[in-house]
Amino acid sequence: MPGFRGTFEHSLDAKHRLTIPAKFRAELSGGVVLAASPETDPETPRAIGIWTPAAYESYTSAVLEGYNPASPRARELNRFFFGNSLDTELDAANRVMIPTNLMEYARLSKDLTVIGAGLCLEVFDRVAYDAYSQGVLARVPEIAASLGNTP
């Protein structure tokens, strides 16, 4: 199981290519899935996930497990997950090109923050992530205290 950890500041080049942090290149050398990250909290900025194909399949299967595949909600989730994702590979310079639709979804500018999120990398607009991160750091004690409790 991959263990993506750390925070990295990167910039997109003129062709919307992102250089993958060196420590993750081997893990992603077998292929990459770029995917819109579903955010349900309006305080969280949108992001793009960078997944191994196996991890993305496992994640989407877990999310969709238990849904009747013909139900309207399952169909909407399928459309979101698979219509807003792209199979690609690292180029010779260890970059991935982020397509326009995903850039627009995540409201990315040139300057980005790439964070390790365990099973994937997440790519955020740097300004949006910095503001969000400060809020999360202030709420960590409250979040930790609430784990295992029902609201």
C-alpha atoms as a PDB file:
ATOM      1  CA  MET A   1       0.000   0.000   0.000  1.00  0.00           C
ATOM      2  CA  PRO A   2       1.474   3.375  -0.930  1.00  0.00           C
ATOM      3  CA  GLY A   3       2.207   5.842   1.808  1.00  0.00           C
ATOM      4  CA  PHE A   4       2.187   9.324   0.343  1.00  0.00           C
ATOM      5  CA  ARG A   5       3.404  11.773   2.999  1.00  0.00           C
ATOM      6  CA  GLY A   6       4.743  15.308   3.091  1.00  0.00           C
ATOM      7  CA  THR A   7       3.988  18.774   1.730  1.00  0.00           C
ATOM      8  CA  PHE A   8       5.690  20.209  -1.336  1.00  0.00           C
ATOM      9  CA  GLU A   9       5.451  23.504  -3.181  1.00  0.00           C
ATOM     10  CA  HIS A  10       5.534  23.285  -6.963  1.00  0.00           C
ATOM     11  CA  SER A  11       4.604  25.371  -9.972  1.00  0.00           C
ATOM     12  CA  LEU A  12       2.950  24.398 -13.216  1.00  0.00           C
ATOM     13  CA  ASP A  13       4.876  25.087 -16.396  1.00  0.00           C
ATOM     14  CA  ALA A  14       3.338  26.874 -19.401  1.00  0.00           C
ATOM     15  CA  LYS A  15       1.842  23.587 -20.657  1.00  0.00           C
ATOM     16  CA  HIS A  16       0.166  22.817 -17.299  1.00  0.00           C
ATOM     17  CA  ARG A  17       2.675  20.112 -16.403  1.00  0.00           C
ATOM     18  CA  LEU A  18       3.431  19.306 -12.789  1.00  0.00           C
ATOM     19  CA  THR A  19       6.735  17.739 -11.793  1.00  0.00           C
ATOM     20  CA  ILE A  20       6.078  14.882  -9.390  1.00  0.00           C
ATOM     21  CA  PRO A  21       8.119  15.092  -6.166  1.00  0.00           C
ATOM     22  CA  ALA A  22      11.152  12.804  -6.491  1.00  0.00           C
ATOM     23  CA  LYS A  23      10.248  10.555  -3.553  1.00  0.00           C
ATOM     24  CA  PHE A  24       6.978   9.456  -5.271  1.00  0.00           C
ATOM     25  CA  ARG A  25       8.196   8.810  -8.794  1.00  0.00           C
ATOM     26  CA  ALA A  26       8.944   5.111  -8.359  1.00  0.00           C
ATOM     27  CA  GLU A  27       5.479   4.481  -6.842  1.00  0.00           C
ATOM     28  CA  LEU A  28       3.828   6.263  -9.778  1.00  0.00           C
ATOM     29  CA  SER A  29       6.041   4.842 -12.526  1.00  0.00           C
ATOM     30  CA  GLY A  30       3.477   2.135 -13.354  1.00  0.00           C
ATOM     31  CA  GLY A  31       0.769   4.644 -14.229  1.00  0.00           C
ATOM     32  CA  VAL A  32      -1.175   7.518 -12.774  1.00  0.00           C
ATOM     33  CA  VAL A  33      -4.820   8.413 -12.358  1.00  0.00           C
ATOM     34  CA  LEU A  34      -5.543  12.135 -12.133  1.00  0.00           C
ATOM     35  CA  ALA A  35      -8.946  12.663 -10.540  1.00  0.00           C
ATOM     36  CA  ALA A  36     -11.171  15.390  -9.170  1.00  0.00           C
ATOM     37  CA  SER A  37     -11.294  15.032  -5.411  1.00  0.00           C
ATOM     38  CA  PRO A  38     -14.823  15.102  -3.985  1.00  0.00           C
ATOM     39  CA  GLU A  39     -15.080  17.689  -1.241  1.00  0.00           C
ATOM     40  CA  THR A  40     -18.179  17.715   0.921  1.00  0.00           C
ATOM     41  CA  ASP A  41     -17.031  20.454   3.299  1.00  0.00           C
ATOM     42  CA  PRO A  42     -17.380  23.953   1.830  1.00  0.00           C
ATOM     43  CA  GLU A  43     -14.363  25.044   3.923  1.00  0.00           C
ATOM     44  CA  THR A  44     -12.085  22.611   2.060  1.00  0.00           C
ATOM     45  CA  PRO A  45     -10.663  23.824  -1.241  1.00  0.00           C
ATOM     46  CA  ARG A  46     -11.097  21.533  -4.211  1.00  0.00           C
ATOM     47  CA  ALA A  47      -8.132  19.405  -5.182  1.00  0.00           C
ATOM     48  CA  ILE A  48      -6.895  16.977  -7.786  1.00  0.00           C
ATOM     49  CA  GLY A  49      -5.860  13.538  -6.594  1.00  0.00           C
ATOM     50  CA  ILE A  50      -2.861  11.771  -8.089  1.00  0.00           C
ATOM     51  CA  TRP A  51      -3.393   8.046  -7.587  1.00  0.00           C
ATOM     52  CA  THR A  52      -1.868   4.765  -8.623  1.00  0.00           C
ATOM     53  CA  PRO A  53      -4.467   2.959 -10.768  1.00  0.00           C
ATOM     54  CA  ALA A  54      -4.889   0.186  -8.169  1.00  0.00           C
ATOM     55  CA  ALA A  55      -5.406   2.632  -5.301  1.00  0.00           C
ATOM     56  CA  TYR A  56      -7.996   4.625  -7.282  1.00  0.00           C
ATOM     57  CA  GLU A  57      -9.906   1.453  -8.151  1.00  0.00           C
ATOM     58  CA  SER A  58      -9.849   0.379  -4.507  1.00  0.00           C
ATOM     59  CA  TYR A  59     -11.000   3.820  -3.321  1.00  0.00           C
ATOM     60  CA  THR A  60     -13.871   4.149  -5.780  1.00  0.00           C
ATOM     61  CA  SER A  61     -14.987   0.571  -5.113  1.00  0.00           C
ATOM     62  CA  ALA A  62     -15.063   1.253  -1.369  1.00  0.00           C
ATOM     63  CA  VAL A  63     -17.085   4.451  -1.849  1.00  0.00           C
ATOM     64  CA  LEU A  64     -19.584   2.759  -4.163  1.00  0.00           C
ATOM     65  CA  GLU A  65     -19.864  -0.473  -2.141  1.00  0.00           C
ATOM     66  CA  GLY A  66     -23.372  -1.168  -1.006  1.00  0.00           C
ATOM     67  CA  TYR A  67     -25.049   1.130  -3.507  1.00  0.00           C
ATOM     68  CA  ASN A  68     -27.443  -0.374  -6.007  1.00  0.00           C
ATOM     69  CA  PRO A  69     -25.492   0.327  -9.237  1.00  0.00           C
ATOM     70  CA  ALA A  70     -28.697   1.425 -10.980  1.00  0.00           C
ATOM     71  CA  SER A  71     -29.683   3.908  -8.256  1.00  0.00           C
ATOM     72  CA  PRO A  72     -29.535   7.605  -9.112  1.00  0.00           C
ATOM     73  CA  ARG A  73     -26.902   8.297  -6.408  1.00  0.00           C
ATOM     74  CA  ALA A  74     -24.614   5.495  -7.562  1.00  0.00           C
ATOM     75  CA  ARG A  75     -24.926   6.659 -11.154  1.00  0.00           C
ATOM     76  CA  GLU A  76     -24.078  10.235 -10.124  1.00  0.00           C
ATOM     77  CA  LEU A  77     -21.059   9.067  -8.145  1.00  0.00           C
ATOM     78  CA  ASN A  78     -19.905   6.888 -11.035  1.00  0.00           C
ATOM     79  CA  ARG A  79     -20.176   9.852 -13.373  1.00  0.00           C
ATOM     80  CA  PHE A  80     -18.235  12.023 -10.958  1.00  0.00           C
ATOM     81  CA  PHE A  81     -15.457   9.530 -10.277  1.00  0.00           C
ATOM     82  CA  PHE A  82     -14.958   8.203 -13.780  1.00  0.00           C
ATOM     83  CA  GLY A  83     -15.969  11.242 -15.833  1.00  0.00           C
ATOM     84  CA  ASN A  84     -13.567  13.459 -13.889  1.00  0.00           C
ATOM     85  CA  SER A  85     -10.544  11.194 -13.926  1.00  0.00           C
ATOM     86  CA  LEU A  86      -7.851  10.408 -16.436  1.00  0.00           C
ATOM     87  CA  ASP A  87      -5.370   7.564 -16.837  1.00  0.00           C
ATOM     88  CA  THR A  88      -1.931   8.865 -17.747  1.00  0.00           C
ATOM     89  CA  GLU A  89       1.774   8.281 -17.183  1.00  0.00           C
ATOM     90  CA  LEU A  90       4.762  10.240 -16.022  1.00  0.00           C
ATOM     91  CA  ASP A  91       6.677  11.700 -18.955  1.00  0.00           C
ATOM     92  CA  ALA A  92      10.450  11.371 -19.378  1.00  0.00           C
ATOM     93  CA  ALA A  93      10.944  14.363 -17.051  1.00  0.00           C
ATOM     94  CA  ASN A  94       8.629  12.863 -14.362  1.00  0.00           C
ATOM     95  CA  ARG A  95       5.785  15.270 -15.023  1.00  0.00           C
ATOM     96  CA  VAL A  96       2.050  14.907 -15.539  1.00  0.00           C
ATOM     97  CA  MET A  97      -0.012  17.280 -17.646  1.00  0.00           C
ATOM     98  CA  ILE A  98      -3.083  18.482 -15.780  1.00  0.00           C
ATOM     99  CA  PRO A  99      -6.003  18.852 -18.194  1.00  0.00           C
ATOM    100  CA  THR A 100      -7.969  22.081 -18.320  1.00  0.00           C
ATOM    101  CA  ASN A 101     -11.169  20.575 -16.893  1.00  0.00           C
ATOM    102  CA  LEU A 102      -9.364  19.395 -13.750  1.00  0.00           C
ATOM    103  CA  MET A 103      -7.498  22.695 -13.415  1.00  0.00           C
ATOM    104  CA  GLU A 104     -10.809  24.544 -13.571  1.00  0.00           C
ATOM    105  CA  TYR A 105     -12.488  22.141 -11.136  1.00  0.00           C
ATOM    106  CA  ALA A 106      -9.751  22.641  -8.510  1.00  0.00           C
ATOM    107  CA  ARG A 107      -9.337  26.349  -9.344  1.00  0.00           C
ATOM    108  CA  LEU A 108      -5.604  25.878  -9.771  1.00  0.00           C
ATOM    109  CA  SER A 109      -3.266  28.731 -10.557  1.00  0.00           C
ATOM    110  CA  LYS A 110       0.413  28.358 -11.469  1.00  0.00           C
ATOM    111  CA  ASP A 111       1.584  27.960  -7.851  1.00  0.00           C
ATOM    112  CA  LEU A 112       0.542  24.714  -6.188  1.00  0.00           C
ATOM    113  CA  THR A 113       0.871  22.774  -2.977  1.00  0.00           C
ATOM    114  CA  VAL A 114       1.184  19.007  -3.336  1.00  0.00           C
ATOM    115  CA  ILE A 115       0.441  17.055  -0.176  1.00  0.00           C
ATOM    116  CA  GLY A 116       0.760  13.408   0.643  1.00  0.00           C
ATOM    117  CA  ALA A 117      -2.695  12.212   1.712  1.00  0.00           C
ATOM    118  CA  GLY A 118      -1.892   8.588   2.478  1.00  0.00           C
ATOM    119  CA  LEU A 119      -3.309   6.680  -0.487  1.00  0.00           C
ATOM    120  CA  CYS A 120      -2.769   9.523  -2.964  1.00  0.00           C
ATOM    121  CA  LEU A 121      -1.220  12.904  -3.533  1.00  0.00           C
ATOM    122  CA  GLU A 122      -3.510  15.920  -3.507  1.00  0.00           C
ATOM    123  CA  VAL A 123      -2.833  19.023  -5.574  1.00  0.00           C
ATOM    124  CA  PHE A 124      -4.206  22.347  -4.329  1.00  0.00           C
ATOM    125  CA  ASP A 125      -3.905  25.943  -5.374  1.00  0.00           C
ATOM    126  CA  ARG A 126      -1.188  27.221  -3.012  1.00  0.00           C
ATOM    127  CA  VAL A 127      -3.043  30.306  -1.726  1.00  0.00           C
ATOM    128  CA  ALA A 128      -6.249  28.330  -1.091  1.00  0.00           C
ATOM    129  CA  TYR A 129      -4.357  25.517   0.643  1.00  0.00           C
ATOM    130  CA  ASP A 130      -2.371  27.880   2.881  1.00  0.00           C
ATOM    131  CA  ALA A 131      -5.574  29.490   4.173  1.00  0.00           C
ATOM    132  CA  TYR A 132      -7.248  26.102   4.658  1.00  0.00           C
ATOM    133  CA  SER A 133      -4.206  24.559   6.356  1.00  0.00           C
ATOM    134  CA  GLN A 134      -4.068  27.279   9.012  1.00  0.00           C
ATOM    135  CA  GLY A 135      -7.698  26.576   9.903  1.00  0.00           C
ATOM    136  CA  VAL A 136      -7.122  22.816  10.097  1.00  0.00           C
ATOM    137  CA  LEU A 137      -4.117  23.248  12.372  1.00  0.00           C
ATOM    138  CA  ALA A 138      -6.252  25.318  14.743  1.00  0.00           C
ATOM    139  CA  ARG A 139      -9.022  22.665  14.714  1.00  0.00           C
ATOM    140  CA  VAL A 140      -6.875  19.523  15.122  1.00  0.00           C
ATOM    141  CA  PRO A 141      -7.536  19.203  18.879  1.00  0.00           C
ATOM    142  CA  GLU A 142     -11.302  19.452  18.290  1.00  0.00           C
ATOM    143  CA  ILE A 143     -11.176  17.044  15.345  1.00  0.00           C
ATOM    144  CA  ALA A 144      -9.103  14.517  17.295  1.00  0.00           C
ATOM    145  CA  ALA A 145     -11.394  14.754  20.318  1.00  0.00           C
ATOM    146  CA  SER A 146     -14.446  14.056  18.161  1.00  0.00           C
ATOM    147  CA  LEU A 147     -13.146  10.865  16.562  1.00  0.00           C
ATOM    148  CA  GLY A 148     -15.259   7.909  17.510  1.00  0.00           C
ATOM    149  CA  ASN A 149     -18.072  10.099  18.794  1.00  0.00           C
ATOM    150  CA  THR A 150     -21.314  10.581  16.955  1.00  0.00           C
ATOM    151  CA  PRO A 151     -22.489  14.166  16.504  1.00  0.00           C
END
